[in-house]
Amino acid sequence: LVREALCQTELSAGKLSIFILKDIPIVLNLKSNKIIIEQIIKGSVIKQNFLISGISSQDGAFLAKKALDEGFNVVGTSRKDPKYDFENFSALEKIGILEHLEILTTDFSSKESTNSLLKKYNPSYIAHFASQSSVFNSIAKKEETFKVNYLDTVEIIKSIQQVCPETIFFFPSSATIYEGYSNKIINETVKPRPLSNY
């Protein structure tokens, strides 16, 4: 990138070099053999946004920690408000990252709300962990489970396609979607065969 661009200005200080590439200041952080490129505007680094739904979950919390460590601005969503339901966010507090996150209560069934969220943050990545995580509740509350696990997910994907199609969407699942098979080696080409809502 640097070789191919016309560098108008170069400032070097230790391991940091600042180049002006097509009127956009770029910082190259030379650590070992890795080059980290970040845009700078008005003297401050603009971090990429990483949106994590269901951020209070175990997986959401660990991914949030990893994303923060990698330099992302992490925005989390939850059906519950951390101001009034602190216990639900204890995992984030235990690993010491709660105060470094922006957490929003979001209703993904609302297209307007989801579009507004994506327009505001324009996330580079979305990890969608929001789901019915209880096996018991998935059976006892089938309609709610279908809405949260499927319909809300479909709405998020539609909003990404409309608002920020460059966003990378990560949707983890459960191995139980293959519970209808027995003694079968599973890979990405095998069609799911679930036996329960969970």
Protein backbone atom coordinates (compact mmCIF):
# COMPACT_ATOMS: atom_id res chain seq x y z
CA LEU A 1 0.00 0.00 0.00
CA VAL A 2 2.74 2.44 0.98
CA ARG A 3 4.92 1.62 -2.03
CA GLU A 4 2.04 2.12 -4.43
CA ALA A 5 0.74 5.34 -2.89
CA LEU A 6 2.15 8.84 -3.30
CA CYS A 7 3.47 9.84 0.11
CA GLN A 8 3.33 13.60 0.57
CA THR A 9 4.64 13.60 4.13
CA GLU A 10 6.51 11.14 6.30
CA LEU A 11 7.14 11.55 10.03
CA SER A 12 9.06 8.86 11.88
CA ALA A 13 9.37 8.51 15.63
CA GLY A 14 10.60 5.24 17.01
CA LYS A 15 8.34 2.48 15.74
CA LEU A 16 5.60 4.77 14.45
CA SER A 17 5.50 6.22 10.96
CA ILE A 18 2.80 8.59 9.75
CA PHE A 19 2.08 8.92 6.06
CA ILE A 20 -0.37 11.12 4.20
CA LEU A 21 -1.98 8.91 1.57
CA LYS A 22 -4.41 10.66 -0.74
CA ASP A 23 -5.16 13.26 1.96
CA ILE A 24 -5.91 10.52 4.55
CA PRO A 25 -3.36 10.28 7.38
CA ILE A 26 -2.31 6.69 8.06
CA VAL A 27 -0.36 5.29 11.01
CA LEU A 28 1.86 2.28 10.43
CA ASN A 29 2.65 0.58 13.71
CA LEU A 30 5.63 -1.65 13.03
CA LYS A 31 5.53 -4.40 15.64
CA SER A 32 7.73 -7.35 14.81
CA ASN A 33 6.80 -8.18 11.22
CA LYS A 34 3.18 -7.09 11.57
CA ILE A 35 1.92 -3.83 10.10
CA ILE A 36 -1.17 -2.34 11.70
CA ILE A 37 -2.86 0.36 9.61
CA GLU A 38 -5.33 2.73 11.21
CA GLN A 39 -6.97 5.85 9.81
CA ILE A 40 -6.45 9.07 11.75
CA ILE A 41 -8.66 12.11 11.50
CA LYS A 42 -8.25 15.28 13.58
CA GLY A 43 -5.40 13.72 15.49
CA SER A 44 -7.27 10.76 16.99
CA VAL A 45 -7.40 7.15 15.84
CA ILE A 46 -10.80 6.09 14.56
CA LYS A 47 -11.36 2.56 15.81
CA GLN A 48 -13.41 0.01 13.94
CA ASN A 49 -16.67 -0.96 15.61
CA PHE A 50 -17.33 -4.55 16.66
CA LEU A 51 -21.00 -5.17 17.47
CA ILE A 52 -21.81 -8.13 19.72
CA SER A 53 -25.42 -9.09 20.38
CA GLY A 54 -26.03 -11.07 23.54
CA ILE A 55 -22.81 -9.64 24.93
CA SER A 56 -23.62 -10.73 28.49
CA SER A 57 -23.38 -14.39 27.49
CA GLN A 58 -20.25 -16.42 28.20
CA ASP A 59 -19.14 -16.42 24.57
CA GLY A 60 -20.13 -12.79 24.10
CA ALA A 61 -18.05 -11.73 27.10
CA PHE A 62 -14.93 -13.58 25.97
CA LEU A 63 -15.22 -12.27 22.41
CA ALA A 64 -15.69 -8.73 23.74
CA LYS A 65 -12.45 -9.07 25.72
CA LYS A 66 -10.62 -10.34 22.65
CA ALA A 67 -11.99 -7.54 20.46
CA LEU A 68 -10.98 -4.89 23.00
CA ASP A 69 -7.49 -6.37 23.20
CA GLU A 70 -7.27 -6.16 19.40
CA GLY A 71 -8.12 -2.43 19.50
CA PHE A 72 -11.78 -2.47 18.47
CA ASN A 73 -14.47 -0.22 19.86
CA VAL A 74 -16.93 -2.78 21.23
CA VAL A 75 -20.67 -2.12 21.25
CA GLY A 76 -22.86 -4.74 22.88
CA THR A 77 -26.59 -5.33 22.81
CA SER A 78 -28.79 -7.05 25.33
CA ARG A 79 -32.46 -7.45 26.08
CA LYS A 80 -31.68 -6.34 29.62
CA ASP A 81 -30.27 -3.06 30.91
CA PRO A 82 -26.99 -3.38 32.87
CA LYS A 83 -28.03 -0.43 35.05
CA TYR A 84 -30.95 -2.40 36.48
CA ASP A 85 -29.91 -5.99 36.01
CA PHE A 86 -26.25 -5.95 37.00
CA GLU A 87 -26.16 -9.64 37.91
CA ASN A 88 -26.80 -10.57 34.28
CA PHE A 89 -23.60 -8.76 33.30
CA SER A 90 -21.38 -10.25 36.01
CA ALA A 91 -19.25 -12.12 33.46
CA LEU A 92 -18.22 -8.81 31.89
CA GLU A 93 -17.43 -7.37 35.32
CA LYS A 94 -15.37 -10.40 36.37
CA ILE A 95 -13.01 -10.09 33.42
CA GLY A 96 -12.73 -6.34 33.98
CA ILE A 97 -14.19 -4.97 30.75
CA LEU A 98 -17.70 -3.77 31.63
CA GLU A 99 -16.69 -0.11 31.91
CA HIS A 100 -14.96 -0.25 28.52
CA LEU A 101 -18.11 -1.29 26.66
CA GLU A 102 -21.10 0.55 25.29
CA ILE A 103 -24.13 -1.61 25.99
CA LEU A 104 -27.53 -0.94 24.45
CA THR A 105 -30.93 -2.52 24.95
CA THR A 106 -32.12 -3.44 21.47
CA ASP A 107 -35.18 -5.02 19.89
CA PHE A 108 -34.01 -6.73 16.71
CA SER A 109 -37.59 -7.53 15.69
CA SER A 110 -37.94 -3.82 14.91
CA LYS A 111 -36.50 -3.11 11.46
CA GLU A 112 -36.37 0.61 12.18
CA SER A 113 -34.46 0.07 15.43
CA THR A 114 -31.99 -2.36 13.84
CA ASN A 115 -31.37 -0.12 10.83
CA SER A 116 -30.81 2.85 13.11
CA LEU A 117 -28.28 0.87 15.17
CA LEU A 118 -26.31 -0.21 12.12
CA LYS A 119 -26.36 3.27 10.57
CA LYS A 120 -25.02 4.79 13.78
CA TYR A 121 -22.13 2.38 14.33
CA ASN A 122 -21.50 0.96 10.84
CA PRO A 123 -19.78 -2.07 12.41
CA SER A 124 -16.93 -3.85 10.65
CA TYR A 125 -18.00 -7.06 12.38
CA ILE A 126 -21.17 -8.34 14.01
CA ALA A 127 -21.17 -11.43 16.23
CA HIS A 128 -24.74 -12.52 16.88
CA PHE A 129 -24.96 -14.39 20.20
CA ALA A 130 -28.44 -13.20 21.20
CA SER A 131 -30.57 -16.32 21.46
CA GLN A 132 -32.64 -18.56 23.68
CA SER A 133 -29.81 -20.31 25.51
CA SER A 134 -31.92 -22.41 27.87
CA VAL A 135 -32.89 -25.89 26.69
CA PHE A 136 -35.83 -25.90 29.12
CA ASN A 137 -37.14 -22.52 27.95
CA SER A 138 -36.69 -23.48 24.31
CA ILE A 139 -39.23 -26.24 24.91
CA ALA A 140 -41.53 -24.34 27.28
CA LYS A 141 -41.51 -21.11 25.22
CA LYS A 142 -41.46 -22.34 21.64
CA GLU A 143 -42.89 -19.19 20.02
CA GLU A 144 -40.48 -16.90 21.87
CA THR A 145 -37.57 -19.17 20.95
CA PHE A 146 -38.55 -19.16 17.28
CA LYS A 147 -38.75 -15.36 17.31
CA VAL A 148 -35.44 -14.76 19.07
CA ASN A 149 -33.40 -17.50 17.41
CA TYR A 150 -34.77 -17.27 13.89
CA LEU A 151 -36.97 -14.27 13.07
CA ASP A 152 -34.71 -11.70 14.79
CA THR A 153 -31.68 -13.20 13.06
CA VAL A 154 -33.35 -12.88 9.67
CA GLU A 155 -34.13 -9.21 10.38
CA ILE A 156 -30.50 -8.51 11.33
CA ILE A 157 -29.26 -10.08 8.09
CA LYS A 158 -31.77 -8.05 6.06
CA SER A 159 -30.64 -4.84 7.78
CA ILE A 160 -26.98 -5.64 7.13
CA GLN A 161 -27.74 -6.16 3.44
CA GLN A 162 -29.56 -2.84 3.32
CA VAL A 163 -27.44 -0.61 5.59
CA CYS A 164 -23.88 -1.96 5.77
CA PRO A 165 -23.34 -4.76 3.24
CA GLU A 166 -19.57 -4.75 3.85
CA THR A 167 -20.07 -5.87 7.45
CA ILE A 168 -18.83 -9.37 8.28
CA PHE A 169 -21.56 -11.32 10.09
CA PHE A 170 -20.68 -14.17 12.46
CA PHE A 171 -23.57 -16.40 13.58
CA PRO A 172 -22.51 -19.25 15.90
CA SER A 173 -24.74 -22.25 16.34
CA SER A 174 -25.05 -25.39 18.43
CA ALA A 175 -23.89 -28.89 17.53
CA THR A 176 -27.40 -30.02 18.45
CA ILE A 177 -28.62 -28.89 15.01
CA TYR A 178 -27.18 -32.24 13.89
CA GLU A 179 -28.71 -34.34 16.65
CA GLY A 180 -30.95 -36.08 14.13
CA TYR A 181 -27.96 -38.00 12.82
CA SER A 182 -26.22 -40.93 14.46
CA ASN A 183 -22.69 -42.19 13.82
CA LYS A 184 -22.11 -39.59 11.12
CA ILE A 185 -19.09 -37.38 10.53
CA ILE A 186 -20.31 -33.78 10.27
CA ASN A 187 -18.82 -30.99 8.18
CA GLU A 188 -20.09 -27.72 6.68
CA THR A 189 -21.81 -29.46 3.77
CA VAL A 190 -24.10 -31.62 5.94
CA LYS A 191 -27.68 -30.35 6.15
CA PRO A 192 -28.83 -29.71 9.75
CA ARG A 193 -31.33 -32.16 11.21
CA PRO A 194 -32.46 -30.78 14.59
CA LEU A 195 -34.89 -32.64 16.83
CA SER A 196 -35.76 -29.76 19.17
CA ASN A 197 -36.26 -26.00 19.19
CA TYR A 198 -32.97 -25.58 21.00
